[in-house]
Amino acid sequence: MTWQISSVLPVWVLSLVGAIVIAIVLPREQYLTWVAIVLAGAVILTFLIQLGVRRTEGFVVRAMASIGVSAIILAIASGVVALLG
């Protein structure tokens, strides 16, 4: 189980750090554009990590967990930015 968590955790961290950085650095008008770019980066990183793991069992579950939680993180961050902005 630990190798499964370690294969999805970097994607979640990338999404969280990306959401925080773009919320702080960029103007509010450009936020949604960069959220989409961070999510695209999360998808690419997910497949790079999962293909690097070289385990076929659980591939879909790990990919769904990586991308799904990343989307939830970015959605929550977008909501917070919308409320504060």
N, C-alpha and C. Protein backbone atom coordinates (compact mmCIF):
# COMPACT_ATOMS: atom_id res chain seq x y z
N MET A 1 0.81 -1.20 0.00
CA MET A 1 0.00 0.00 0.00
C MET A 1 0.85 1.26 0.00
N THR A 2 2.02 1.22 0.61
CA THR A 2 2.85 2.43 0.68
C THR A 2 3.36 2.85 -0.68
N TRP A 3 3.63 1.89 -1.57
CA TRP A 3 4.10 2.28 -2.90
C TRP A 3 2.96 2.91 -3.70
N GLN A 4 1.71 2.56 -3.37
CA GLN A 4 0.59 3.20 -4.06
C GLN A 4 0.45 4.65 -3.63
N ILE A 5 0.56 4.90 -2.35
CA ILE A 5 0.48 6.28 -1.85
C ILE A 5 1.66 7.09 -2.36
N SER A 6 2.84 6.50 -2.36
CA SER A 6 4.01 7.24 -2.82
C SER A 6 3.97 7.51 -4.31
N SER A 7 3.12 6.81 -5.05
CA SER A 7 3.03 7.08 -6.49
C SER A 7 1.98 8.14 -6.81
N VAL A 8 1.10 8.46 -5.87
CA VAL A 8 0.10 9.49 -6.13
C VAL A 8 0.37 10.78 -5.34
N LEU A 9 1.09 10.69 -4.27
CA LEU A 9 1.35 11.85 -3.42
C LEU A 9 2.08 12.99 -4.14
N PRO A 10 3.09 12.73 -4.97
CA PRO A 10 3.75 13.85 -5.65
C PRO A 10 2.81 14.66 -6.54
N VAL A 11 1.83 14.01 -7.12
CA VAL A 11 0.88 14.72 -7.99
C VAL A 11 -0.01 15.62 -7.14
N TRP A 12 -0.42 15.14 -5.98
CA TRP A 12 -1.23 15.96 -5.09
C TRP A 12 -0.45 17.17 -4.60
N VAL A 13 0.82 16.96 -4.28
CA VAL A 13 1.66 18.06 -3.80
C VAL A 13 1.86 19.08 -4.91
N LEU A 14 2.09 18.61 -6.14
CA LEU A 14 2.23 19.53 -7.28
C LEU A 14 0.98 20.38 -7.44
N SER A 15 -0.17 19.77 -7.33
CA SER A 15 -1.43 20.52 -7.49
C SER A 15 -1.60 21.55 -6.39
N LEU A 16 -1.31 21.16 -5.16
CA LEU A 16 -1.45 22.09 -4.05
C LEU A 16 -0.47 23.25 -4.16
N VAL A 17 0.77 22.95 -4.44
CA VAL A 17 1.79 24.00 -4.58
C VAL A 17 1.46 24.89 -5.78
N GLY A 18 1.04 24.29 -6.89
CA GLY A 18 0.66 25.08 -8.06
C GLY A 18 -0.50 26.01 -7.77
N ALA A 19 -1.51 25.52 -7.06
CA ALA A 19 -2.66 26.35 -6.73
C ALA A 19 -2.26 27.52 -5.83
N ILE A 20 -1.41 27.25 -4.87
CA ILE A 20 -0.97 28.31 -3.95
C ILE A 20 -0.13 29.35 -4.69
N VAL A 21 0.79 28.88 -5.51
CA VAL A 21 1.67 29.81 -6.23
C VAL A 21 0.89 30.70 -7.18
N ILE A 22 -0.01 30.10 -7.96
CA ILE A 22 -0.74 30.94 -8.92
C ILE A 22 -1.75 31.85 -8.23
N ALA A 23 -2.24 31.45 -7.06
CA ALA A 23 -3.15 32.33 -6.33
C ALA A 23 -2.42 33.54 -5.76
N ILE A 24 -1.16 33.35 -5.40
CA ILE A 24 -0.40 34.45 -4.81
C ILE A 24 0.24 35.33 -5.88
N VAL A 25 0.78 34.73 -6.92
CA VAL A 25 1.59 35.46 -7.88
C VAL A 25 0.76 36.14 -8.98
N LEU A 26 -0.21 35.43 -9.52
CA LEU A 26 -0.91 35.92 -10.71
C LEU A 26 -2.12 36.78 -10.36
N PRO A 27 -2.48 37.67 -11.29
CA PRO A 27 -3.73 38.43 -11.09
C PRO A 27 -4.94 37.51 -11.23
N ARG A 28 -6.05 37.92 -10.66
CA ARG A 28 -7.26 37.09 -10.63
C ARG A 28 -7.80 36.77 -12.02
N GLU A 29 -7.56 37.65 -13.00
CA GLU A 29 -8.08 37.42 -14.35
C GLU A 29 -7.42 36.23 -15.02
N GLN A 30 -6.20 35.92 -14.66
CA GLN A 30 -5.46 34.83 -15.29
C GLN A 30 -5.50 33.54 -14.48
N TYR A 31 -6.17 33.55 -13.35
CA TYR A 31 -6.13 32.40 -12.45
C TYR A 31 -6.70 31.13 -13.09
N LEU A 32 -7.86 31.21 -13.70
CA LEU A 32 -8.49 30.02 -14.25
C LEU A 32 -7.69 29.42 -15.41
N THR A 33 -7.03 30.25 -16.17
CA THR A 33 -6.18 29.74 -17.25
C THR A 33 -5.05 28.91 -16.68
N TRP A 34 -4.43 29.40 -15.63
CA TRP A 34 -3.31 28.68 -15.04
C TRP A 34 -3.73 27.48 -14.23
N VAL A 35 -4.95 27.48 -13.71
CA VAL A 35 -5.46 26.29 -13.04
C VAL A 35 -5.55 25.14 -14.03
N ALA A 36 -6.03 25.44 -15.23
CA ALA A 36 -6.10 24.40 -16.27
C ALA A 36 -4.71 23.89 -16.64
N ILE A 37 -3.74 24.77 -16.67
CA ILE A 37 -2.37 24.36 -17.00
C ILE A 37 -1.80 23.49 -15.88
N VAL A 38 -2.06 23.83 -14.63
CA VAL A 38 -1.60 23.01 -13.50
C VAL A 38 -2.26 21.63 -13.55
N LEU A 39 -3.55 21.58 -13.88
CA LEU A 39 -4.23 20.29 -13.98
C LEU A 39 -3.66 19.46 -15.12
N ALA A 40 -3.35 20.10 -16.23
CA ALA A 40 -2.73 19.37 -17.34
C ALA A 40 -1.36 18.83 -16.92
N GLY A 41 -0.60 19.61 -16.17
CA GLY A 41 0.68 19.13 -15.66
C GLY A 41 0.50 17.96 -14.70
N ALA A 42 -0.57 17.99 -13.92
CA ALA A 42 -0.85 16.89 -13.00
C ALA A 42 -1.18 15.61 -13.76
N VAL A 43 -1.91 15.75 -14.86
CA VAL A 43 -2.25 14.57 -15.68
C VAL A 43 -0.98 13.99 -16.30
N ILE A 44 -0.14 14.83 -16.84
CA ILE A 44 1.11 14.36 -17.46
C ILE A 44 2.01 13.70 -16.41
N LEU A 45 2.15 14.35 -15.26
CA LEU A 45 2.97 13.79 -14.19
C LEU A 45 2.41 12.46 -13.69
N THR A 46 1.08 12.37 -13.62
CA THR A 46 0.45 11.12 -13.22
C THR A 46 0.87 9.97 -14.12
N PHE A 47 0.76 10.18 -15.41
CA PHE A 47 1.10 9.10 -16.33
C PHE A 47 2.60 8.81 -16.35
N LEU A 48 3.42 9.82 -16.18
CA LEU A 48 4.87 9.57 -16.10
C LEU A 48 5.21 8.72 -14.88
N ILE A 49 4.63 9.05 -13.74
CA ILE A 49 4.91 8.29 -12.52
C ILE A 49 4.35 6.89 -12.62
N GLN A 50 3.10 6.77 -13.07
CA GLN A 50 2.47 5.45 -13.11
C GLN A 50 3.13 4.53 -14.13
N LEU A 51 3.60 5.07 -15.23
CA LEU A 51 4.34 4.24 -16.18
C LEU A 51 5.73 3.90 -15.65
N GLY A 52 6.28 4.77 -14.82
CA GLY A 52 7.57 4.49 -14.22
C GLY A 52 7.50 3.44 -13.13
N VAL A 53 6.34 3.31 -12.49
CA VAL A 53 6.16 2.31 -11.44
C VAL A 53 6.23 0.90 -12.02
N ARG A 54 5.74 0.72 -13.23
CA ARG A 54 5.75 -0.57 -13.95
C ARG A 54 4.97 -1.65 -13.24
N ARG A 55 3.85 -1.29 -12.65
CA ARG A 55 2.94 -2.27 -12.05
C ARG A 55 1.60 -2.12 -12.74
N THR A 56 1.12 -3.20 -13.32
CA THR A 56 -0.14 -3.11 -14.04
C THR A 56 -1.34 -3.18 -13.11
N GLU A 57 -1.24 -3.92 -12.02
CA GLU A 57 -2.38 -4.03 -11.13
C GLU A 57 -2.59 -2.71 -10.39
N GLY A 58 -3.81 -2.23 -10.46
CA GLY A 58 -4.16 -1.00 -9.79
C GLY A 58 -3.82 0.27 -10.55
N PHE A 59 -3.43 0.15 -11.81
CA PHE A 59 -3.04 1.34 -12.59
C PHE A 59 -4.18 2.34 -12.68
N VAL A 60 -5.36 1.86 -13.02
CA VAL A 60 -6.50 2.77 -13.20
C VAL A 60 -6.89 3.43 -11.88
N VAL A 61 -6.86 2.68 -10.81
CA VAL A 61 -7.21 3.23 -9.50
C VAL A 61 -6.21 4.30 -9.09
N ARG A 62 -4.94 4.03 -9.28
CA ARG A 62 -3.90 5.02 -8.92
C ARG A 62 -4.02 6.26 -9.79
N ALA A 63 -4.26 6.08 -11.08
CA ALA A 63 -4.40 7.23 -11.98
C ALA A 63 -5.64 8.05 -11.62
N MET A 64 -6.74 7.37 -11.32
CA MET A 64 -7.95 8.09 -10.92
C MET A 64 -7.74 8.84 -9.62
N ALA A 65 -7.05 8.23 -8.67
CA ALA A 65 -6.79 8.89 -7.39
C ALA A 65 -5.92 10.13 -7.60
N SER A 66 -4.89 10.00 -8.41
CA SER A 66 -4.00 11.14 -8.65
C SER A 66 -4.74 12.30 -9.30
N ILE A 67 -5.42 12.01 -10.39
CA ILE A 67 -6.07 13.07 -11.16
C ILE A 67 -7.31 13.59 -10.43
N GLY A 68 -8.07 12.69 -9.82
CA GLY A 68 -9.29 13.10 -9.12
C GLY A 68 -9.02 14.01 -7.94
N VAL A 69 -8.08 13.63 -7.11
CA VAL A 69 -7.76 14.47 -5.94
C VAL A 69 -7.11 15.78 -6.39
N SER A 70 -6.33 15.74 -7.45
CA SER A 70 -5.75 16.98 -7.98
C SER A 70 -6.84 17.93 -8.45
N ALA A 71 -7.85 17.39 -9.12
CA ALA A 71 -8.96 18.23 -9.57
C ALA A 71 -9.73 18.80 -8.38
N ILE A 72 -9.91 17.99 -7.33
CA ILE A 72 -10.60 18.48 -6.13
C ILE A 72 -9.79 19.58 -5.44
N ILE A 73 -8.48 19.38 -5.34
CA ILE A 73 -7.62 20.41 -4.73
C ILE A 73 -7.72 21.72 -5.50
N LEU A 74 -7.66 21.63 -6.83
CA LEU A 74 -7.73 22.85 -7.64
C LEU A 74 -9.12 23.48 -7.60
N ALA A 75 -10.16 22.67 -7.49
CA ALA A 75 -11.51 23.21 -7.38
C ALA A 75 -11.70 23.96 -6.06
N ILE A 76 -11.20 23.38 -4.98
CA ILE A 76 -11.29 24.06 -3.68
C ILE A 76 -10.48 25.35 -3.69
N ALA A 77 -9.30 25.30 -4.26
CA ALA A 77 -8.47 26.51 -4.35
C ALA A 77 -9.16 27.58 -5.21
N SER A 78 -9.80 27.18 -6.28
CA SER A 78 -10.52 28.13 -7.13
C SER A 78 -11.68 28.76 -6.37
N GLY A 79 -12.38 27.95 -5.59
CA GLY A 79 -13.46 28.49 -4.77
C GLY A 79 -12.98 29.49 -3.74
N VAL A 80 -11.85 29.18 -3.12
CA VAL A 80 -11.29 30.11 -2.12
C VAL A 80 -10.86 31.40 -2.79
N VAL A 81 -10.22 31.31 -3.95
CA VAL A 81 -9.78 32.50 -4.67
C VAL A 81 -11.00 33.34 -5.10
N ALA A 82 -12.06 32.67 -5.54
CA ALA A 82 -13.27 33.38 -5.96
C ALA A 82 -13.92 34.09 -4.77
N LEU A 83 -13.93 33.46 -3.62
CA LEU A 83 -14.53 34.08 -2.44
C LEU A 83 -13.70 35.25 -1.92
N LEU A 84 -12.39 35.09 -1.97
CA LEU A 84 -11.53 36.16 -1.45
C LEU A 84 -11.30 37.27 -2.46
N GLY A 85 -11.45 36.97 -3.74
CA GLY A 85 -11.18 37.97 -4.78
C GLY A 85 -12.40 38.74 -5.09
